[in-house]
Amino acid sequence: NHYQADEAEWIGVREEAQAIFKAAQEEY
């Protein structure tokens, strides 16, 4: 969903990305 995001879009989803990454990393 966000591979082609530009910098403005990325700023808007950065917190969500960090939360998804953190949860997956903790499980791993």
PDB file of all heavy atoms in Angstrom:
ATOM      1  N   ASN A   1       0.795  -1.227   0.000  1.00  0.00           N
ATOM      2  CA  ASN A   1       0.000   0.000   0.000  1.00  0.00           C
ATOM      3  C   ASN A   1       0.829   1.280   0.000  1.00  0.00           C
ATOM      4  O   ASN A   1       0.354   2.326  -0.432  1.00  0.00           O
ATOM      5  CB  ASN A   1      -0.951   0.018   1.203  1.00  0.00           C
ATOM      6  CG  ASN A   1      -2.028  -1.029   1.086  1.00  0.00           C
ATOM      7  OD1 ASN A   1      -2.413  -1.421  -0.011  1.00  0.00           O
ATOM      8  ND2 ASN A   1      -2.518  -1.506   2.213  1.00  0.00           N
ATOM      9  N   HIS A   2       2.067   1.210   0.483  1.00  0.00           N
ATOM     10  CA  HIS A   2       2.839   2.442   0.657  1.00  0.00           C
ATOM     11  C   HIS A   2       4.205   2.435  -0.039  1.00  0.00           C
ATOM     12  O   HIS A   2       4.989   3.344   0.164  1.00  0.00           O
ATOM     13  CB  HIS A   2       3.009   2.737   2.151  1.00  0.00           C
ATOM     14  CG  HIS A   2       1.705   2.896   2.851  1.00  0.00           C
ATOM     15  ND1 HIS A   2       0.885   3.986   2.662  1.00  0.00           N
ATOM     16  CD2 HIS A   2       1.050   2.087   3.709  1.00  0.00           C
ATOM     17  CE1 HIS A   2      -0.213   3.837   3.388  1.00  0.00           C
ATOM     18  NE2 HIS A   2      -0.139   2.697   4.027  1.00  0.00           N
ATOM     19  N   TYR A   3       4.459   1.435  -0.874  1.00  0.00           N
ATOM     20  CA  TYR A   3       5.754   1.336  -1.549  1.00  0.00           C
ATOM     21  C   TYR A   3       6.024   2.557  -2.432  1.00  0.00           C
ATOM     22  O   TYR A   3       7.140   3.044  -2.492  1.00  0.00           O
ATOM     23  CB  TYR A   3       5.823   0.057  -2.389  1.00  0.00           C
ATOM     24  CG  TYR A   3       7.211  -0.263  -2.865  1.00  0.00           C
ATOM     25  CD1 TYR A   3       8.101  -0.925  -2.028  1.00  0.00           C
ATOM     26  CD2 TYR A   3       7.633   0.093  -4.134  1.00  0.00           C
ATOM     27  CE1 TYR A   3       9.382  -1.227  -2.447  1.00  0.00           C
ATOM     28  CE2 TYR A   3       8.917  -0.197  -4.558  1.00  0.00           C
ATOM     29  CZ  TYR A   3       9.792  -0.862  -3.712  1.00  0.00           C
ATOM     30  OH  TYR A   3      11.060  -1.148  -4.118  1.00  0.00           O
ATOM     31  N   GLN A   4       5.005   3.047  -3.084  1.00  0.00           N
ATOM     32  CA  GLN A   4       5.154   4.182  -4.007  1.00  0.00           C
ATOM     33  C   GLN A   4       4.867   5.530  -3.348  1.00  0.00           C
ATOM     34  O   GLN A   4       4.758   6.544  -4.030  1.00  0.00           O
ATOM     35  CB  GLN A   4       4.225   3.998  -5.208  1.00  0.00           C
ATOM     36  CG  GLN A   4       4.523   2.766  -6.036  1.00  0.00           C
ATOM     37  CD  GLN A   4       5.875   2.825  -6.704  1.00  0.00           C
ATOM     38  OE1 GLN A   4       6.364   3.898  -7.056  1.00  0.00           O
ATOM     39  NE2 GLN A   4       6.503   1.676  -6.884  1.00  0.00           N
ATOM     40  N   ALA A   5       4.757   5.542  -2.016  1.00  0.00           N
ATOM     41  CA  ALA A   5       4.423   6.794  -1.316  1.00  0.00           C
ATOM     42  C   ALA A   5       5.503   7.851  -1.535  1.00  0.00           C
ATOM     43  O   ALA A   5       6.694   7.552  -1.523  1.00  0.00           O
ATOM     44  CB  ALA A   5       4.265   6.527   0.182  1.00  0.00           C
ATOM     45  N   ASP A   6       5.051   9.086  -1.734  1.00  0.00           N
ATOM     46  CA  ASP A   6       6.021  10.181  -1.804  1.00  0.00           C
ATOM     47  C   ASP A   6       6.327  10.631  -0.376  1.00  0.00           C
ATOM     48  O   ASP A   6       5.777  10.108   0.587  1.00  0.00           O
ATOM     49  CB  ASP A   6       5.506  11.319  -2.687  1.00  0.00           C
ATOM     50  CG  ASP A   6       4.210  11.939  -2.180  1.00  0.00           C
ATOM     51  OD1 ASP A   6       3.924  11.866  -0.963  1.00  0.00           O
ATOM     52  OD2 ASP A   6       3.484  12.515  -3.001  1.00  0.00           O
ATOM     53  N   GLU A   7       7.209  11.596  -0.230  1.00  0.00           N
ATOM     54  CA  GLU A   7       7.640  12.022   1.106  1.00  0.00           C
ATOM     55  C   GLU A   7       6.483  12.564   1.943  1.00  0.00           C
ATOM     56  O   GLU A   7       6.409  12.311   3.145  1.00  0.00           O
ATOM     57  CB  GLU A   7       8.764  13.046   1.002  1.00  0.00           C
ATOM     58  CG  GLU A   7      10.103  12.437   0.612  1.00  0.00           C
ATOM     59  CD  GLU A   7      10.578  11.324   1.541  1.00  0.00           C
ATOM     60  OE1 GLU A   7      10.506  11.476   2.780  1.00  0.00           O
ATOM     61  OE2 GLU A   7      11.015  10.277   1.023  1.00  0.00           O
ATOM     62  N   ALA A   8       5.566  13.287   1.325  1.00  0.00           N
ATOM     63  CA  ALA A   8       4.420  13.833   2.063  1.00  0.00           C
ATOM     64  C   ALA A   8       3.531  12.703   2.581  1.00  0.00           C
ATOM     65  O   ALA A   8       3.094  12.722   3.735  1.00  0.00           O
ATOM     66  CB  ALA A   8       3.619  14.783   1.178  1.00  0.00           C
ATOM     67  N   GLU A   9       3.261  11.724   1.727  1.00  0.00           N
ATOM     68  CA  GLU A   9       2.464  10.570   2.155  1.00  0.00           C
ATOM     69  C   GLU A   9       3.189   9.789   3.250  1.00  0.00           C
ATOM     70  O   GLU A   9       2.567   9.321   4.198  1.00  0.00           O
ATOM     71  CB  GLU A   9       2.174   9.644   0.974  1.00  0.00           C
ATOM     72  CG  GLU A   9       1.241  10.231  -0.057  1.00  0.00           C
ATOM     73  CD  GLU A   9       1.175   9.405  -1.326  1.00  0.00           C
ATOM     74  OE1 GLU A   9       2.230   8.947  -1.815  1.00  0.00           O
ATOM     75  OE2 GLU A   9       0.049   9.218  -1.812  1.00  0.00           O
ATOM     76  N   TRP A  10       4.511   9.641   3.085  1.00  0.00           N
ATOM     77  CA  TRP A  10       5.296   8.896   4.059  1.00  0.00           C
ATOM     78  C   TRP A  10       5.189   9.532   5.448  1.00  0.00           C
ATOM     79  O   TRP A  10       5.013   8.825   6.447  1.00  0.00           O
ATOM     80  CB  TRP A  10       6.759   8.804   3.630  1.00  0.00           C
ATOM     81  CG  TRP A  10       7.611   8.288   4.733  1.00  0.00           C
ATOM     82  CD1 TRP A  10       8.590   8.948   5.376  1.00  0.00           C
ATOM     83  CD2 TRP A  10       7.516   7.014   5.366  1.00  0.00           C
ATOM     84  NE1 TRP A  10       9.124   8.169   6.374  1.00  0.00           N
ATOM     85  CE2 TRP A  10       8.483   6.978   6.387  1.00  0.00           C
ATOM     86  CE3 TRP A  10       6.705   5.902   5.189  1.00  0.00           C
ATOM     87  CZ2 TRP A  10       8.670   5.874   7.209  1.00  0.00           C
ATOM     88  CZ3 TRP A  10       6.884   4.799   6.011  1.00  0.00           C
ATOM     89  CH2 TRP A  10       7.855   4.791   7.000  1.00  0.00           C
ATOM     90  N   ILE A  11       5.248  10.848   5.511  1.00  0.00           N
ATOM     91  CA  ILE A  11       5.125  11.545   6.797  1.00  0.00           C
ATOM     92  C   ILE A  11       3.797  11.187   7.461  1.00  0.00           C
ATOM     93  O   ILE A  11       3.732  10.977   8.672  1.00  0.00           O
ATOM     94  CB  ILE A  11       5.291  13.063   6.612  1.00  0.00           C
ATOM     95  CG1 ILE A  11       6.748  13.374   6.247  1.00  0.00           C
ATOM     96  CG2 ILE A  11       4.862  13.825   7.855  1.00  0.00           C
ATOM     97  CD1 ILE A  11       6.991  14.793   5.786  1.00  0.00           C
ATOM     98  N   GLY A  12       2.755  11.051   6.660  1.00  0.00           N
ATOM     99  CA  GLY A  12       1.434  10.727   7.186  1.00  0.00           C
ATOM    100  C   GLY A  12       1.285   9.312   7.699  1.00  0.00           C
ATOM    101  O   GLY A  12       0.422   9.040   8.536  1.00  0.00           O
ATOM    102  N   VAL A  13       2.099   8.382   7.219  1.00  0.00           N
ATOM    103  CA  VAL A  13       1.961   6.966   7.623  1.00  0.00           C
ATOM    104  C   VAL A  13       3.146   6.480   8.452  1.00  0.00           C
ATOM    105  O   VAL A  13       3.187   5.312   8.837  1.00  0.00           O
ATOM    106  CB  VAL A  13       1.764   6.049   6.399  1.00  0.00           C
ATOM    107  CG1 VAL A  13       0.482   6.398   5.649  1.00  0.00           C
ATOM    108  CG2 VAL A  13       2.974   6.070   5.476  1.00  0.00           C
ATOM    109  N   ARG A  14       4.082   7.352   8.738  1.00  0.00           N
ATOM    110  CA  ARG A  14       5.298   6.936   9.454  1.00  0.00           C
ATOM    111  C   ARG A  14       5.000   6.303  10.811  1.00  0.00           C
ATOM    112  O   ARG A  14       5.562   5.267  11.156  1.00  0.00           O
ATOM    113  CB  ARG A  14       6.248   8.117   9.598  1.00  0.00           C
ATOM    114  CG  ARG A  14       7.554   7.739  10.251  1.00  0.00           C
ATOM    115  CD  ARG A  14       8.577   8.828  10.216  1.00  0.00           C
ATOM    116  NE  ARG A  14       8.004  10.139  10.493  1.00  0.00           N
ATOM    117  CZ  ARG A  14       8.505  11.263  10.027  1.00  0.00           C
ATOM    118  NH1 ARG A  14       9.572  11.255   9.274  1.00  0.00           N
ATOM    119  NH2 ARG A  14       7.945  12.418  10.320  1.00  0.00           N
ATOM    120  N   GLU A  15       4.114   6.900  11.590  1.00  0.00           N
ATOM    121  CA  GLU A  15       3.794   6.333  12.909  1.00  0.00           C
ATOM    122  C   GLU A  15       3.165   4.952  12.784  1.00  0.00           C
ATOM    123  O   GLU A  15       3.468   4.050  13.568  1.00  0.00           O
ATOM    124  CB  GLU A  15       2.878   7.271  13.695  1.00  0.00           C
ATOM    125  CG  GLU A  15       3.609   8.482  14.242  1.00  0.00           C
ATOM    126  CD  GLU A  15       2.718   9.348  15.119  1.00  0.00           C
ATOM    127  OE1 GLU A  15       1.777   8.812  15.749  1.00  0.00           O
ATOM    128  OE2 GLU A  15       2.971  10.560  15.162  1.00  0.00           O
ATOM    129  N   GLU A  16       2.291   4.785  11.813  1.00  0.00           N
ATOM    130  CA  GLU A  16       1.683   3.468  11.579  1.00  0.00           C
ATOM    131  C   GLU A  16       2.756   2.458  11.184  1.00  0.00           C
ATOM    132  O   GLU A  16       2.755   1.321  11.657  1.00  0.00           O
ATOM    133  CB  GLU A  16       0.612   3.563  10.495  1.00  0.00           C
ATOM    134  CG  GLU A  16      -0.079   2.242  10.213  1.00  0.00           C
ATOM    135  CD  GLU A  16      -1.082   2.321   9.074  1.00  0.00           C
ATOM    136  OE1 GLU A  16      -1.253   3.393   8.470  1.00  0.00           O
ATOM    137  OE2 GLU A  16      -1.700   1.283   8.791  1.00  0.00           O
ATOM    138  N   ALA A  17       3.678   2.865  10.331  1.00  0.00           N
ATOM    139  CA  ALA A  17       4.784   1.981   9.919  1.00  0.00           C
ATOM    140  C   ALA A  17       5.610   1.557  11.121  1.00  0.00           C
ATOM    141  O   ALA A  17       5.962   0.381  11.264  1.00  0.00           O
ATOM    142  CB  ALA A  17       5.669   2.689   8.894  1.00  0.00           C
ATOM    143  N   GLN A  18       5.916   2.498  11.986  1.00  0.00           N
ATOM    144  CA  GLN A  18       6.715   2.188  13.163  1.00  0.00           C
ATOM    145  C   GLN A  18       5.980   1.212  14.078  1.00  0.00           C
ATOM    146  O   GLN A  18       6.586   0.296  14.630  1.00  0.00           O
ATOM    147  CB  GLN A  18       7.078   3.474  13.906  1.00  0.00           C
ATOM    148  CG  GLN A  18       8.071   4.310  13.135  1.00  0.00           C
ATOM    149  CD  GLN A  18       8.287   5.695  13.730  1.00  0.00           C
ATOM    150  OE1 GLN A  18       7.474   6.196  14.495  1.00  0.00           O
ATOM    151  NE2 GLN A  18       9.399   6.314  13.360  1.00  0.00           N
ATOM    152  N   ALA A  19       4.675   1.384  14.247  1.00  0.00           N
ATOM    153  CA  ALA A  19       3.897   0.494  15.114  1.00  0.00           C
ATOM    154  C   ALA A  19       3.829  -0.922  14.544  1.00  0.00           C
ATOM    155  O   ALA A  19       4.001  -1.909  15.279  1.00  0.00           O
ATOM    156  CB  ALA A  19       2.490   1.056  15.309  1.00  0.00           C
ATOM    157  N   ILE A  20       3.599  -1.030  13.243  1.00  0.00           N
ATOM    158  CA  ILE A  20       3.538  -2.342  12.594  1.00  0.00           C
ATOM    159  C   ILE A  20       4.894  -3.034  12.689  1.00  0.00           C
ATOM    160  O   ILE A  20       4.987  -4.219  13.012  1.00  0.00           O
ATOM    161  CB  ILE A  20       3.076  -2.203  11.127  1.00  0.00           C
ATOM    162  CG1 ILE A  20       1.609  -1.798  11.081  1.00  0.00           C
ATOM    163  CG2 ILE A  20       3.305  -3.495  10.346  1.00  0.00           C
ATOM    164  CD1 ILE A  20       1.119  -1.397   9.713  1.00  0.00           C
ATOM    165  N   PHE A  21       5.950  -2.290  12.414  1.00  0.00           N
ATOM    166  CA  PHE A  21       7.299  -2.840  12.472  1.00  0.00           C
ATOM    167  C   PHE A  21       7.630  -3.298  13.889  1.00  0.00           C
ATOM    168  O   PHE A  21       8.129  -4.403  14.096  1.00  0.00           O
ATOM    169  CB  PHE A  21       8.311  -1.793  11.998  1.00  0.00           C
ATOM    170  CG  PHE A  21       9.727  -2.284  12.036  1.00  0.00           C
ATOM    171  CD1 PHE A  21      10.235  -3.015  10.980  1.00  0.00           C
ATOM    172  CD2 PHE A  21      10.546  -2.028  13.116  1.00  0.00           C
ATOM    173  CE1 PHE A  21      11.546  -3.484  11.008  1.00  0.00           C
ATOM    174  CE2 PHE A  21      11.850  -2.488  13.155  1.00  0.00           C
ATOM    175  CZ  PHE A  21      12.348  -3.220  12.098  1.00  0.00           C
ATOM    176  N   LYS A  22       7.345  -2.481  14.876  1.00  0.00           N
ATOM    177  CA  LYS A  22       7.668  -2.799  16.266  1.00  0.00           C
ATOM    178  C   LYS A  22       6.950  -4.063  16.717  1.00  0.00           C
ATOM    179  O   LYS A  22       7.555  -4.947  17.331  1.00  0.00           O
ATOM    180  CB  LYS A  22       7.307  -1.624  17.175  1.00  0.00           C
ATOM    181  CG  LYS A  22       7.620  -1.870  18.631  1.00  0.00           C
ATOM    182  CD  LYS A  22       7.253  -0.676  19.482  1.00  0.00           C
ATOM    183  CE  LYS A  22       7.528  -0.974  20.951  1.00  0.00           C
ATOM    184  NZ  LYS A  22       7.091   0.098  21.827  1.00  0.00           N
ATOM    185  N   ALA A  23       5.665  -4.177  16.436  1.00  0.00           N
ATOM    186  CA  ALA A  23       4.895  -5.360  16.836  1.00  0.00           C
ATOM    187  C   ALA A  23       5.436  -6.622  16.168  1.00  0.00           C
ATOM    188  O   ALA A  23       5.586  -7.665  16.819  1.00  0.00           O
ATOM    189  CB  ALA A  23       3.421  -5.164  16.503  1.00  0.00           C
ATOM    190  N   ALA A  24       5.756  -6.540  14.885  1.00  0.00           N
ATOM    191  CA  ALA A  24       6.285  -7.703  14.165  1.00  0.00           C
ATOM    192  C   ALA A  24       7.663  -8.082  14.690  1.00  0.00           C
ATOM    193  O   ALA A  24       7.974  -9.262  14.868  1.00  0.00           O
ATOM    194  CB  ALA A  24       6.344  -7.414  12.662  1.00  0.00           C
ATOM    195  N   GLN A  25       8.483  -7.088  14.946  1.00  0.00           N
ATOM    196  CA  GLN A  25       9.832  -7.358  15.443  1.00  0.00           C
ATOM    197  C   GLN A  25       9.786  -7.992  16.833  1.00  0.00           C
ATOM    198  O   GLN A  25      10.527  -8.929  17.114  1.00  0.00           O
ATOM    199  CB  GLN A  25      10.659  -6.080  15.461  1.00  0.00           C
ATOM    200  CG  GLN A  25      12.116  -6.332  15.812  1.00  0.00           C
ATOM    201  CD  GLN A  25      12.937  -5.068  15.724  1.00  0.00           C
ATOM    202  OE1 GLN A  25      12.530  -4.035  16.242  1.00  0.00           O
ATOM    203  NE2 GLN A  25      14.077  -5.161  15.078  1.00  0.00           N
ATOM    204  N   GLU A  26       8.903  -7.510  17.692  1.00  0.00           N
ATOM    205  CA  GLU A  26       8.786  -8.088  19.032  1.00  0.00           C
ATOM    206  C   GLU A  26       8.355  -9.545  18.963  1.00  0.00           C
ATOM    207  O   GLU A  26       8.883 -10.389  19.690  1.00  0.00           O
ATOM    208  CB  GLU A  26       7.802  -7.278  19.878  1.00  0.00           C
ATOM    209  CG  GLU A  26       8.374  -5.951  20.311  1.00  0.00           C
ATOM    210  CD  GLU A  26       7.369  -5.052  21.016  1.00  0.00           C
ATOM    211  OE1 GLU A  26       6.169  -5.406  21.081  1.00  0.00           O
ATOM    212  OE2 GLU A  26       7.794  -3.976  21.486  1.00  0.00           O
ATOM    213  N   GLU A  27       7.431  -9.868  18.087  1.00  0.00           N
ATOM    214  CA  GLU A  27       6.999 -11.265  17.929  1.00  0.00           C
ATOM    215  C   GLU A  27       8.138 -12.111  17.387  1.00  0.00           C
ATOM    216  O   GLU A  27       8.383 -13.215  17.855  1.00  0.00           O
ATOM    217  CB  GLU A  27       5.782 -11.353  17.005  1.00  0.00           C
ATOM    218  CG  GLU A  27       5.242 -12.764  16.858  1.00  0.00           C
ATOM    219  CD  GLU A  27       4.724 -13.343  18.162  1.00  0.00           C
ATOM    220  OE1 GLU A  27       4.033 -12.636  18.914  1.00  0.00           O
ATOM    221  OE2 GLU A  27       5.018 -14.523  18.435  1.00  0.00           O
ATOM    222  N   TYR A  28       8.844 -11.597  16.389  1.00  0.00           N
ATOM    223  CA  TYR A  28       9.971 -12.326  15.802  1.00  0.00           C
ATOM    224  C   TYR A  28      11.051 -12.587  16.847  1.00  0.00           C
ATOM    225  O   TYR A  28      11.629 -13.665  16.895  1.00  0.00           O
ATOM    226  CB  TYR A  28      10.553 -11.541  14.618  1.00  0.00           C
ATOM    227  CG  TYR A  28      11.879 -12.088  14.164  1.00  0.00           C
ATOM    228  CD1 TYR A  28      11.937 -13.267  13.430  1.00  0.00           C
ATOM    229  CD2 TYR A  28      13.076 -11.450  14.492  1.00  0.00           C
ATOM    230  CE1 TYR A  28      13.157 -13.791  13.033  1.00  0.00           C
ATOM    231  CE2 TYR A  28      14.292 -11.969  14.100  1.00  0.00           C
ATOM    232  CZ  TYR A  28      14.331 -13.137  13.368  1.00  0.00           C
ATOM    233  OH  TYR A  28      15.534 -13.657  12.992  1.00  0.00           O
TER     234      TYR A  28
END
